[in-house]
All heavy atoms as atom14 arrays in JSON, in Angstrom:
{
  "sequence": "IFNNRVNEKTGSWSTTTLVLGMGFVASLSMSLIVEGKGTFNIQNMEP",
  "atom14_mask": [
    [1, 1, 1, 1, 1, 1, 1, 1, 0, 0, 0, 0, 0, 0],
    [1, 1, 1, 1, 1, 1, 1, 1, 1, 1, 1, 0, 0, 0],
    [1, 1, 1, 1, 1, 1, 1, 1, 0, 0, 0, 0, 0, 0],
    [1, 1, 1, 1, 1, 1, 1, 1, 0, 0, 0, 0, 0, 0],
    [1, 1, 1, 1, 1, 1, 1, 1, 1, 1, 1, 0, 0, 0],
    [1, 1, 1, 1, 1, 1, 1, 0, 0, 0, 0, 0, 0, 0],
    [1, 1, 1, 1, 1, 1, 1, 1, 0, 0, 0, 0, 0, 0],
    [1, 1, 1, 1, 1, 1, 1, 1, 1, 0, 0, 0, 0, 0],
    [1, 1, 1, 1, 1, 1, 1, 1, 1, 0, 0, 0, 0, 0],
    [1, 1, 1, 1, 1, 1, 1, 0, 0, 0, 0, 0, 0, 0],
    [1, 1, 1, 1, 0, 0, 0, 0, 0, 0, 0, 0, 0, 0],
    [1, 1, 1, 1, 1, 1, 0, 0, 0, 0, 0, 0, 0, 0],
    [1, 1, 1, 1, 1, 1, 1, 1, 1, 1, 1, 1, 1, 1],
    [1, 1, 1, 1, 1, 1, 0, 0, 0, 0, 0, 0, 0, 0],
    [1, 1, 1, 1, 1, 1, 1, 0, 0, 0, 0, 0, 0, 0],
    [1, 1, 1, 1, 1, 1, 1, 0, 0, 0, 0, 0, 0, 0],
    [1, 1, 1, 1, 1, 1, 1, 0, 0, 0, 0, 0, 0, 0],
    [1, 1, 1, 1, 1, 1, 1, 1, 0, 0, 0, 0, 0, 0],
    [1, 1, 1, 1, 1, 1, 1, 0, 0, 0, 0, 0, 0, 0],
    [1, 1, 1, 1, 1, 1, 1, 1, 0, 0, 0, 0, 0, 0],
    [1, 1, 1, 1, 0, 0, 0, 0, 0, 0, 0, 0, 0, 0],
    [1, 1, 1, 1, 1, 1, 1, 1, 0, 0, 0, 0, 0, 0],
    [1, 1, 1, 1, 0, 0, 0, 0, 0, 0, 0, 0, 0, 0],
    [1, 1, 1, 1, 1, 1, 1, 1, 1, 1, 1, 0, 0, 0],
    [1, 1, 1, 1, 1, 1, 1, 0, 0, 0, 0, 0, 0, 0],
    [1, 1, 1, 1, 1, 0, 0, 0, 0, 0, 0, 0, 0, 0],
    [1, 1, 1, 1, 1, 1, 0, 0, 0, 0, 0, 0, 0, 0],
    [1, 1, 1, 1, 1, 1, 1, 1, 0, 0, 0, 0, 0, 0],
    [1, 1, 1, 1, 1, 1, 0, 0, 0, 0, 0, 0, 0, 0],
    [1, 1, 1, 1, 1, 1, 1, 1, 0, 0, 0, 0, 0, 0],
    [1, 1, 1, 1, 1, 1, 0, 0, 0, 0, 0, 0, 0, 0],
    [1, 1, 1, 1, 1, 1, 1, 1, 0, 0, 0, 0, 0, 0],
    [1, 1, 1, 1, 1, 1, 1, 1, 0, 0, 0, 0, 0, 0],
    [1, 1, 1, 1, 1, 1, 1, 0, 0, 0, 0, 0, 0, 0],
    [1, 1, 1, 1, 1, 1, 1, 1, 1, 0, 0, 0, 0, 0],
    [1, 1, 1, 1, 0, 0, 0, 0, 0, 0, 0, 0, 0, 0],
    [1, 1, 1, 1, 1, 1, 1, 1, 1, 0, 0, 0, 0, 0],
    [1, 1, 1, 1, 0, 0, 0, 0, 0, 0, 0, 0, 0, 0],
    [1, 1, 1, 1, 1, 1, 1, 0, 0, 0, 0, 0, 0, 0],
    [1, 1, 1, 1, 1, 1, 1, 1, 1, 1, 1, 0, 0, 0],
    [1, 1, 1, 1, 1, 1, 1, 1, 0, 0, 0, 0, 0, 0],
    [1, 1, 1, 1, 1, 1, 1, 1, 0, 0, 0, 0, 0, 0],
    [1, 1, 1, 1, 1, 1, 1, 1, 1, 0, 0, 0, 0, 0],
    [1, 1, 1, 1, 1, 1, 1, 1, 0, 0, 0, 0, 0, 0],
    [1, 1, 1, 1, 1, 1, 1, 1, 0, 0, 0, 0, 0, 0],
    [1, 1, 1, 1, 1, 1, 1, 1, 1, 0, 0, 0, 0, 0],
    [1, 1, 1, 1, 1, 1, 1, 0, 0, 0, 0, 0, 0, 0]
  ],
  "atom14_positions": [
    [[34.79, 46.26, -51.8], [33.73, 46.52, -52.74], [33.0, 45.16, -53.09], [31.74, 45.13, -53.07], [34.23, 47.18, -54.0], [34.73, 48.55, -53.77], [33.16, 47.18, -55.16], [35.57, 49.28, -54.79], [0.0, 0.0, 0.0], [0.0, 0.0, 0.0], [0.0, 0.0, 0.0], [0.0, 0.0, 0.0], [0.0, 0.0, 0.0], [0.0, 0.0, 0.0]],
    [[33.83, 44.12, -53.31], [33.11, 42.79, -53.68], [32.43, 42.36, -52.44], [31.29, 41.91, -52.52], [34.22, 41.76, -54.03], [34.77, 41.9, -55.38], [34.59, 43.12, -56.13], [35.47, 40.86, -55.92], [35.11, 43.22, -57.37], [35.95, 41.03, -57.22], [35.77, 42.17, -57.96], [0.0, 0.0, 0.0], [0.0, 0.0, 0.0], [0.0, 0.0, 0.0]],
    [[32.95, 42.49, -51.19], [32.29, 42.04, -50.03], [31.0, 42.76, -49.81], [29.99, 42.18, -49.4], [33.17, 42.2, -48.81], [34.34, 41.3, -48.71], [34.51, 40.43, -49.54], [35.22, 41.59, -47.79], [0.0, 0.0, 0.0], [0.0, 0.0, 0.0], [0.0, 0.0, 0.0], [0.0, 0.0, 0.0], [0.0, 0.0, 0.0], [0.0, 0.0, 0.0]],
    [[30.92, 44.06, -50.1], [29.7, 44.8, -49.98], [28.67, 44.33, -50.91], [27.44, 44.18, -50.56], [30.0, 46.31, -50.2], [28.91, 47.12, -49.77], [28.33, 47.0, -48.68], [28.51, 48.07, -50.63], [0.0, 0.0, 0.0], [0.0, 0.0, 0.0], [0.0, 0.0, 0.0], [0.0, 0.0, 0.0], [0.0, 0.0, 0.0], [0.0, 0.0, 0.0]],
    [[29.05, 43.92, -52.14], [28.03, 43.42, -53.15], [27.55, 42.1, -52.7], [26.34, 41.73, -52.75], [28.75, 43.29, -54.49], [29.09, 44.62, -55.11], [27.85, 45.51, -55.45], [28.28, 46.73, -55.86], [27.84, 47.89, -55.36], [27.1, 47.93, -54.31], [28.25, 49.03, -55.88], [0.0, 0.0, 0.0], [0.0, 0.0, 0.0], [0.0, 0.0, 0.0]],
    [[28.31, 41.19, -52.15], [27.86, 39.91, -51.68], [26.98, 40.17, -50.42], [25.88, 39.52, -50.36], [29.08, 38.97, -51.18], [28.66, 37.75, -50.59], [30.0, 38.74, -52.47], [0.0, 0.0, 0.0], [0.0, 0.0, 0.0], [0.0, 0.0, 0.0], [0.0, 0.0, 0.0], [0.0, 0.0, 0.0], [0.0, 0.0, 0.0], [0.0, 0.0, 0.0]],
    [[27.29, 41.07, -49.67], [26.52, 41.4, -48.42], [25.14, 41.84, -48.81], [24.15, 41.46, -48.12], [27.18, 42.44, -47.56], [26.48, 42.73, -46.23], [26.16, 41.81, -45.52], [26.07, 44.0, -46.06], [0.0, 0.0, 0.0], [0.0, 0.0, 0.0], [0.0, 0.0, 0.0], [0.0, 0.0, 0.0], [0.0, 0.0, 0.0], [0.0, 0.0, 0.0]],
    [[25.05, 42.58, -49.91], [23.65, 43.06, -50.32], [22.74, 41.91, -50.68], [21.56, 42.03, -50.56], [23.85, 43.92, -51.57], [24.45, 45.26, -51.22], [24.74, 46.1, -52.52], [24.48, 45.65, -53.63], [25.23, 47.2, -52.33], [0.0, 0.0, 0.0], [0.0, 0.0, 0.0], [0.0, 0.0, 0.0], [0.0, 0.0, 0.0], [0.0, 0.0, 0.0]],
    [[23.39, 40.75, -51.17], [22.54, 39.58, -51.53], [22.36, 38.58, -50.43], [21.4, 37.79, -50.48], [23.22, 38.95, -52.72], [23.46, 39.86, -53.92], [22.17, 40.27, -54.53], [22.45, 41.14, -55.77], [21.32, 41.81, -56.29], [0.0, 0.0, 0.0], [0.0, 0.0, 0.0], [0.0, 0.0, 0.0], [0.0, 0.0, 0.0], [0.0, 0.0, 0.0]],
    [[23.3, 38.51, -49.53], [23.24, 37.35, -48.58], [23.2, 37.71, -47.06], [22.65, 37.07, -46.3], [24.56, 36.48, -48.72], [25.66, 37.23, -48.38], [24.61, 35.89, -50.15], [0.0, 0.0, 0.0], [0.0, 0.0, 0.0], [0.0, 0.0, 0.0], [0.0, 0.0, 0.0], [0.0, 0.0, 0.0], [0.0, 0.0, 0.0], [0.0, 0.0, 0.0]],
    [[23.83, 38.86, -46.68], [23.86, 39.24, -45.34], [25.39, 39.17, -44.77], [26.26, 38.59, -45.44], [0.0, 0.0, 0.0], [0.0, 0.0, 0.0], [0.0, 0.0, 0.0], [0.0, 0.0, 0.0], [0.0, 0.0, 0.0], [0.0, 0.0, 0.0], [0.0, 0.0, 0.0], [0.0, 0.0, 0.0], [0.0, 0.0, 0.0], [0.0, 0.0, 0.0]],
    [[25.62, 39.81, -43.63], [27.06, 39.9, -43.13], [27.71, 38.7, -42.75], [28.88, 38.46, -43.16], [27.04, 40.87, -41.93], [26.61, 42.2, -42.32], [0.0, 0.0, 0.0], [0.0, 0.0, 0.0], [0.0, 0.0, 0.0], [0.0, 0.0, 0.0], [0.0, 0.0, 0.0], [0.0, 0.0, 0.0], [0.0, 0.0, 0.0], [0.0, 0.0, 0.0]],
    [[26.97, 37.82, -42.09], [27.59, 36.54, -41.64], [27.86, 35.62, -42.8], [28.88, 34.88, -42.87], [26.81, 35.89, -40.56], [26.94, 36.73, -39.27], [25.99, 37.49, -38.7], [28.1, 36.88, -38.47], [26.37, 38.06, -37.59], [27.73, 37.7, -37.37], [29.37, 36.38, -38.56], [28.66, 38.1, -36.45], [30.35, 36.77, -37.57], [29.91, 37.66, -36.57]],
    [[26.93, 35.49, -43.77], [27.2, 34.72, -44.9], [28.37, 35.27, -45.75], [29.18, 34.49, -46.25], [25.95, 34.68, -45.89], [24.82, 34.16, -45.19], [0.0, 0.0, 0.0], [0.0, 0.0, 0.0], [0.0, 0.0, 0.0], [0.0, 0.0, 0.0], [0.0, 0.0, 0.0], [0.0, 0.0, 0.0], [0.0, 0.0, 0.0], [0.0, 0.0, 0.0]],
    [[28.42, 36.59, -45.8], [29.56, 37.22, -46.55], [30.84, 36.84, -45.85], [31.85, 36.46, -46.49], [29.3, 38.74, -46.54], [28.22, 39.02, -47.25], [30.55, 39.39, -47.29], [0.0, 0.0, 0.0], [0.0, 0.0, 0.0], [0.0, 0.0, 0.0], [0.0, 0.0, 0.0], [0.0, 0.0, 0.0], [0.0, 0.0, 0.0], [0.0, 0.0, 0.0]],
    [[30.9, 37.0, -44.62], [32.14, 36.69, -43.82], [32.49, 35.24, -43.97], [33.72, 34.86, -44.16], [31.94, 37.05, -42.29], [31.5, 38.4, -42.18], [33.2, 36.82, -41.5], [0.0, 0.0, 0.0], [0.0, 0.0, 0.0], [0.0, 0.0, 0.0], [0.0, 0.0, 0.0], [0.0, 0.0, 0.0], [0.0, 0.0, 0.0], [0.0, 0.0, 0.0]],
    [[31.55, 34.33, -43.9], [31.82, 32.86, -44.05], [32.43, 32.65, -45.48], [33.42, 31.94, -45.59], [30.59, 32.11, -43.76], [30.08, 32.37, -42.48], [30.84, 30.61, -43.98], [0.0, 0.0, 0.0], [0.0, 0.0, 0.0], [0.0, 0.0, 0.0], [0.0, 0.0, 0.0], [0.0, 0.0, 0.0], [0.0, 0.0, 0.0], [0.0, 0.0, 0.0]],
    [[31.73, 33.17, -46.46], [32.2, 32.97, -47.81], [33.63, 33.55, -48.08], [34.49, 32.87, -48.58], [31.22, 33.67, -48.79], [31.51, 33.6, -50.29], [31.42, 32.11, -50.7], [30.59, 34.43, -51.05], [0.0, 0.0, 0.0], [0.0, 0.0, 0.0], [0.0, 0.0, 0.0], [0.0, 0.0, 0.0], [0.0, 0.0, 0.0], [0.0, 0.0, 0.0]],
    [[33.8, 34.81, -47.61], [35.12, 35.47, -47.81], [36.26, 34.7, -47.14], [37.31, 34.39, -47.72], [35.05, 36.86, -47.28], [36.5, 37.53, -47.22], [34.17, 37.71, -48.2], [0.0, 0.0, 0.0], [0.0, 0.0, 0.0], [0.0, 0.0, 0.0], [0.0, 0.0, 0.0], [0.0, 0.0, 0.0], [0.0, 0.0, 0.0], [0.0, 0.0, 0.0]],
    [[36.08, 34.4, -45.87], [37.08, 33.73, -45.08], [37.21, 32.31, -45.56], [38.36, 31.75, -45.52], [36.85, 33.82, -43.66], [36.96, 35.28, -43.1], [36.72, 35.35, -41.6], [38.3, 35.95, -43.38], [0.0, 0.0, 0.0], [0.0, 0.0, 0.0], [0.0, 0.0, 0.0], [0.0, 0.0, 0.0], [0.0, 0.0, 0.0], [0.0, 0.0, 0.0]],
    [[36.17, 31.58, -45.9], [36.27, 30.21, -46.34], [36.99, 30.18, -47.61], [37.89, 29.3, -47.84], [0.0, 0.0, 0.0], [0.0, 0.0, 0.0], [0.0, 0.0, 0.0], [0.0, 0.0, 0.0], [0.0, 0.0, 0.0], [0.0, 0.0, 0.0], [0.0, 0.0, 0.0], [0.0, 0.0, 0.0], [0.0, 0.0, 0.0], [0.0, 0.0, 0.0]],
    [[36.69, 31.02, -48.61], [37.39, 30.97, -49.86], [38.89, 31.38, -49.69], [39.71, 30.91, -50.31], [36.74, 31.97, -50.84], [35.38, 31.42, -51.33], [34.56, 32.64, -52.45], [35.62, 32.63, -53.88], [0.0, 0.0, 0.0], [0.0, 0.0, 0.0], [0.0, 0.0, 0.0], [0.0, 0.0, 0.0], [0.0, 0.0, 0.0], [0.0, 0.0, 0.0]],
    [[39.05, 32.35, -48.78], [40.42, 32.74, -48.47], [41.26, 31.61, -47.86], [42.45, 31.37, -48.2], [0.0, 0.0, 0.0], [0.0, 0.0, 0.0], [0.0, 0.0, 0.0], [0.0, 0.0, 0.0], [0.0, 0.0, 0.0], [0.0, 0.0, 0.0], [0.0, 0.0, 0.0], [0.0, 0.0, 0.0], [0.0, 0.0, 0.0], [0.0, 0.0, 0.0]],
    [[40.59, 30.86, -47.06], [41.25, 29.57, -46.46], [41.64, 28.6, -47.55], [42.78, 28.1, -47.65], [40.43, 28.94, -45.44], [40.85, 27.64, -44.95], [42.01, 27.54, -44.12], [40.35, 26.41, -45.45], [42.44, 26.31, -43.67], [40.78, 25.14, -44.99], [41.84, 25.14, -44.13], [0.0, 0.0, 0.0], [0.0, 0.0, 0.0], [0.0, 0.0, 0.0]],
    [[40.69, 28.27, -48.43], [40.97, 27.34, -49.49], [42.13, 27.82, -50.43], [43.0, 27.16, -50.72], [39.65, 27.08, -50.32], [39.96, 26.27, -51.53], [38.63, 26.35, -49.45], [0.0, 0.0, 0.0], [0.0, 0.0, 0.0], [0.0, 0.0, 0.0], [0.0, 0.0, 0.0], [0.0, 0.0, 0.0], [0.0, 0.0, 0.0], [0.0, 0.0, 0.0]],
    [[42.04, 29.14, -50.78], [42.97, 29.7, -51.64], [44.47, 29.71, -50.99], [45.39, 29.33, -51.6], [42.59, 31.12, -52.01], [0.0, 0.0, 0.0], [0.0, 0.0, 0.0], [0.0, 0.0, 0.0], [0.0, 0.0, 0.0], [0.0, 0.0, 0.0], [0.0, 0.0, 0.0], [0.0, 0.0, 0.0], [0.0, 0.0, 0.0], [0.0, 0.0, 0.0]],
    [[44.47, 30.2, -49.69], [45.8, 30.23, -49.08], [46.35, 28.95, -48.8], [47.57, 28.65, -48.97], [45.69, 31.11, -47.85], [44.84, 30.58, -46.87], [0.0, 0.0, 0.0], [0.0, 0.0, 0.0], [0.0, 0.0, 0.0], [0.0, 0.0, 0.0], [0.0, 0.0, 0.0], [0.0, 0.0, 0.0], [0.0, 0.0, 0.0], [0.0, 0.0, 0.0]],
    [[45.48, 27.86, -48.41], [45.95, 26.6, -48.12], [46.51, 25.95, -49.4], [47.62, 25.32, -49.4], [44.85, 25.69, -47.53], [45.27, 24.28, -47.26], [46.4, 24.16, -46.27], [44.06, 23.43, -46.82], [0.0, 0.0, 0.0], [0.0, 0.0, 0.0], [0.0, 0.0, 0.0], [0.0, 0.0, 0.0], [0.0, 0.0, 0.0], [0.0, 0.0, 0.0]],
    [[45.79, 26.11, -50.5], [46.19, 25.63, -51.8], [47.61, 26.22, -52.16], [48.52, 25.46, -52.57], [45.19, 25.87, -52.89], [44.07, 25.31, -52.55], [0.0, 0.0, 0.0], [0.0, 0.0, 0.0], [0.0, 0.0, 0.0], [0.0, 0.0, 0.0], [0.0, 0.0, 0.0], [0.0, 0.0, 0.0], [0.0, 0.0, 0.0], [0.0, 0.0, 0.0]],
    [[47.8, 27.51, -52.14], [49.0, 28.19, -52.55], [50.14, 27.78, -51.52], [51.25, 27.6, -52.0], [48.76, 29.67, -52.51], [47.97, 30.2, -53.68], [48.63, 29.66, -55.32], [50.19, 30.41, -55.33], [0.0, 0.0, 0.0], [0.0, 0.0, 0.0], [0.0, 0.0, 0.0], [0.0, 0.0, 0.0], [0.0, 0.0, 0.0], [0.0, 0.0, 0.0]],
    [[49.8, 27.66, -50.25], [50.88, 27.32, -49.38], [51.39, 25.93, -49.56], [52.56, 25.61, -49.58], [50.33, 27.37, -47.89], [51.26, 27.03, -46.93], [0.0, 0.0, 0.0], [0.0, 0.0, 0.0], [0.0, 0.0, 0.0], [0.0, 0.0, 0.0], [0.0, 0.0, 0.0], [0.0, 0.0, 0.0], [0.0, 0.0, 0.0], [0.0, 0.0, 0.0]],
    [[50.44, 24.94, -49.86], [50.9, 23.55, -50.22], [51.72, 23.55, -51.46], [52.68, 22.75, -51.52], [49.69, 22.71, -50.31], [48.96, 22.37, -48.98], [47.6, 21.65, -49.23], [49.84, 21.62, -48.08], [0.0, 0.0, 0.0], [0.0, 0.0, 0.0], [0.0, 0.0, 0.0], [0.0, 0.0, 0.0], [0.0, 0.0, 0.0], [0.0, 0.0, 0.0]],
    [[51.35, 24.33, -52.54], [52.14, 24.46, -53.71], [53.49, 25.03, -53.39], [54.54, 24.47, -53.88], [51.44, 25.27, -54.78], [50.17, 24.46, -55.21], [52.26, 25.59, -55.99], [49.14, 25.32, -56.07], [0.0, 0.0, 0.0], [0.0, 0.0, 0.0], [0.0, 0.0, 0.0], [0.0, 0.0, 0.0], [0.0, 0.0, 0.0], [0.0, 0.0, 0.0]],
    [[53.58, 26.09, -52.69], [54.85, 26.77, -52.51], [55.74, 26.23, -51.39], [56.93, 26.06, -51.59], [54.6, 28.33, -52.22], [55.89, 29.04, -51.76], [53.9, 29.01, -53.4], [0.0, 0.0, 0.0], [0.0, 0.0, 0.0], [0.0, 0.0, 0.0], [0.0, 0.0, 0.0], [0.0, 0.0, 0.0], [0.0, 0.0, 0.0], [0.0, 0.0, 0.0]],
    [[55.11, 25.88, -50.29], [55.83, 25.34, -49.13], [55.79, 23.88, -48.86], [56.49, 23.37, -48.03], [55.38, 26.17, -47.78], [55.63, 27.68, -47.94], [55.1, 28.35, -46.68], [54.58, 27.72, -45.73], [55.17, 29.58, -46.7], [0.0, 0.0, 0.0], [0.0, 0.0, 0.0], [0.0, 0.0, 0.0], [0.0, 0.0, 0.0], [0.0, 0.0, 0.0]],
    [[54.81, 23.25, -49.56], [54.65, 21.77, -49.35], [54.32, 21.49, -47.95], [53.56, 22.14, -47.3], [0.0, 0.0, 0.0], [0.0, 0.0, 0.0], [0.0, 0.0, 0.0], [0.0, 0.0, 0.0], [0.0, 0.0, 0.0], [0.0, 0.0, 0.0], [0.0, 0.0, 0.0], [0.0, 0.0, 0.0], [0.0, 0.0, 0.0], [0.0, 0.0, 0.0]],
    [[55.01, 20.41, -47.38], [54.7, 19.95, -46.01], [55.08, 20.99, -44.93], [54.58, 21.03, -43.83], [55.43, 18.71, -45.65], [54.88, 17.44, -46.47], [55.58, 16.19, -46.17], [55.05, 15.09, -46.96], [55.82, 13.78, -46.7], [0.0, 0.0, 0.0], [0.0, 0.0, 0.0], [0.0, 0.0, 0.0], [0.0, 0.0, 0.0], [0.0, 0.0, 0.0]],
    [[56.02, 21.95, -45.3], [56.32, 23.01, -44.39], [55.12, 23.86, -43.9], [55.18, 24.6, -42.95], [0.0, 0.0, 0.0], [0.0, 0.0, 0.0], [0.0, 0.0, 0.0], [0.0, 0.0, 0.0], [0.0, 0.0, 0.0], [0.0, 0.0, 0.0], [0.0, 0.0, 0.0], [0.0, 0.0, 0.0], [0.0, 0.0, 0.0], [0.0, 0.0, 0.0]],
    [[54.05, 23.81, -44.73], [52.75, 24.52, -44.35], [52.36, 24.11, -42.97], [51.87, 25.01, -42.19], [51.69, 24.11, -45.34], [52.03, 24.62, -46.62], [50.26, 24.72, -44.92], [0.0, 0.0, 0.0], [0.0, 0.0, 0.0], [0.0, 0.0, 0.0], [0.0, 0.0, 0.0], [0.0, 0.0, 0.0], [0.0, 0.0, 0.0], [0.0, 0.0, 0.0]],
    [[52.62, 22.93, -42.51], [52.11, 22.43, -41.19], [53.13, 22.51, -40.15], [52.92, 22.01, -39.04], [51.54, 21.03, -41.42], [50.47, 20.97, -42.43], [50.78, 20.42, -43.7], [49.24, 21.43, -42.22], [49.8, 20.37, -44.63], [48.22, 21.48, -43.22], [48.48, 20.89, -44.43], [0.0, 0.0, 0.0], [0.0, 0.0, 0.0], [0.0, 0.0, 0.0]],
    [[54.19, 23.21, -40.38], [55.31, 23.32, -39.3], [54.99, 24.56, -38.47], [55.42, 25.66, -38.71], [56.66, 23.52, -40.02], [57.79, 23.51, -39.05], [57.66, 23.17, -37.94], [58.99, 23.92, -39.57], [0.0, 0.0, 0.0], [0.0, 0.0, 0.0], [0.0, 0.0, 0.0], [0.0, 0.0, 0.0], [0.0, 0.0, 0.0], [0.0, 0.0, 0.0]],
    [[54.19, 24.23, -37.43], [53.74, 25.43, -36.51], [54.06, 25.1, -35.09], [53.48, 25.83, -34.27], [52.14, 25.56, -36.71], [51.38, 24.31, -36.45], [51.78, 26.17, -38.06], [50.0, 24.36, -36.47], [0.0, 0.0, 0.0], [0.0, 0.0, 0.0], [0.0, 0.0, 0.0], [0.0, 0.0, 0.0], [0.0, 0.0, 0.0], [0.0, 0.0, 0.0]],
    [[55.08, 24.26, -34.83], [55.39, 23.96, -33.4], [55.89, 25.21, -32.61], [55.66, 25.31, -31.49], [56.49, 22.93, -33.35], [56.24, 21.63, -33.96], [56.82, 21.69, -35.45], [56.31, 22.38, -36.26], [57.74, 20.79, -35.71], [0.0, 0.0, 0.0], [0.0, 0.0, 0.0], [0.0, 0.0, 0.0], [0.0, 0.0, 0.0], [0.0, 0.0, 0.0]],
    [[56.61, 26.17, -33.29], [57.23, 27.2, -32.48], [56.3, 28.46, -32.51], [56.83, 29.54, -32.14], [58.47, 27.57, -33.14], [59.51, 26.47, -33.14], [59.57, 25.68, -32.11], [60.3, 26.34, -34.13], [0.0, 0.0, 0.0], [0.0, 0.0, 0.0], [0.0, 0.0, 0.0], [0.0, 0.0, 0.0], [0.0, 0.0, 0.0], [0.0, 0.0, 0.0]],
    [[55.05, 28.33, -32.87], [54.15, 29.46, -32.78], [53.59, 29.71, -31.45], [53.14, 28.73, -30.78], [53.02, 29.28, -33.79], [52.21, 30.49, -34.08], [51.1, 30.43, -35.42], [49.96, 29.14, -34.97], [0.0, 0.0, 0.0], [0.0, 0.0, 0.0], [0.0, 0.0, 0.0], [0.0, 0.0, 0.0], [0.0, 0.0, 0.0], [0.0, 0.0, 0.0]],
    [[53.44, 30.88, -30.97], [52.79, 31.2, -29.72], [51.31, 30.86, -29.87], [50.68, 31.28, -30.86], [53.0, 32.76, -29.44], [54.43, 33.22, -29.14], [55.0, 32.69, -27.81], [54.2, 32.34, -26.92], [56.21, 32.56, -27.71], [0.0, 0.0, 0.0], [0.0, 0.0, 0.0], [0.0, 0.0, 0.0], [0.0, 0.0, 0.0], [0.0, 0.0, 0.0]],
    [[50.76, 30.3, -28.79], [49.39, 29.9, -28.87], [48.32, 31.06, -29.2], [47.4, 30.89, -29.81], [49.06, 29.27, -27.45], [50.45, 28.85, -27.02], [51.35, 29.81, -27.62], [0.0, 0.0, 0.0], [0.0, 0.0, 0.0], [0.0, 0.0, 0.0], [0.0, 0.0, 0.0], [0.0, 0.0, 0.0], [0.0, 0.0, 0.0], [0.0, 0.0, 0.0]]
  ]
}
């Protein structure tokens, strides 16, 4: 619902950029708070 309201004012690509950008900032912040440096432990992840 929120994405749809943003889309009405800005457009699909702006909405997507805003949503995923804010999600990145929020998840990175929470991950650093909760996991600390473990956030960057991605060696064993499939490409």
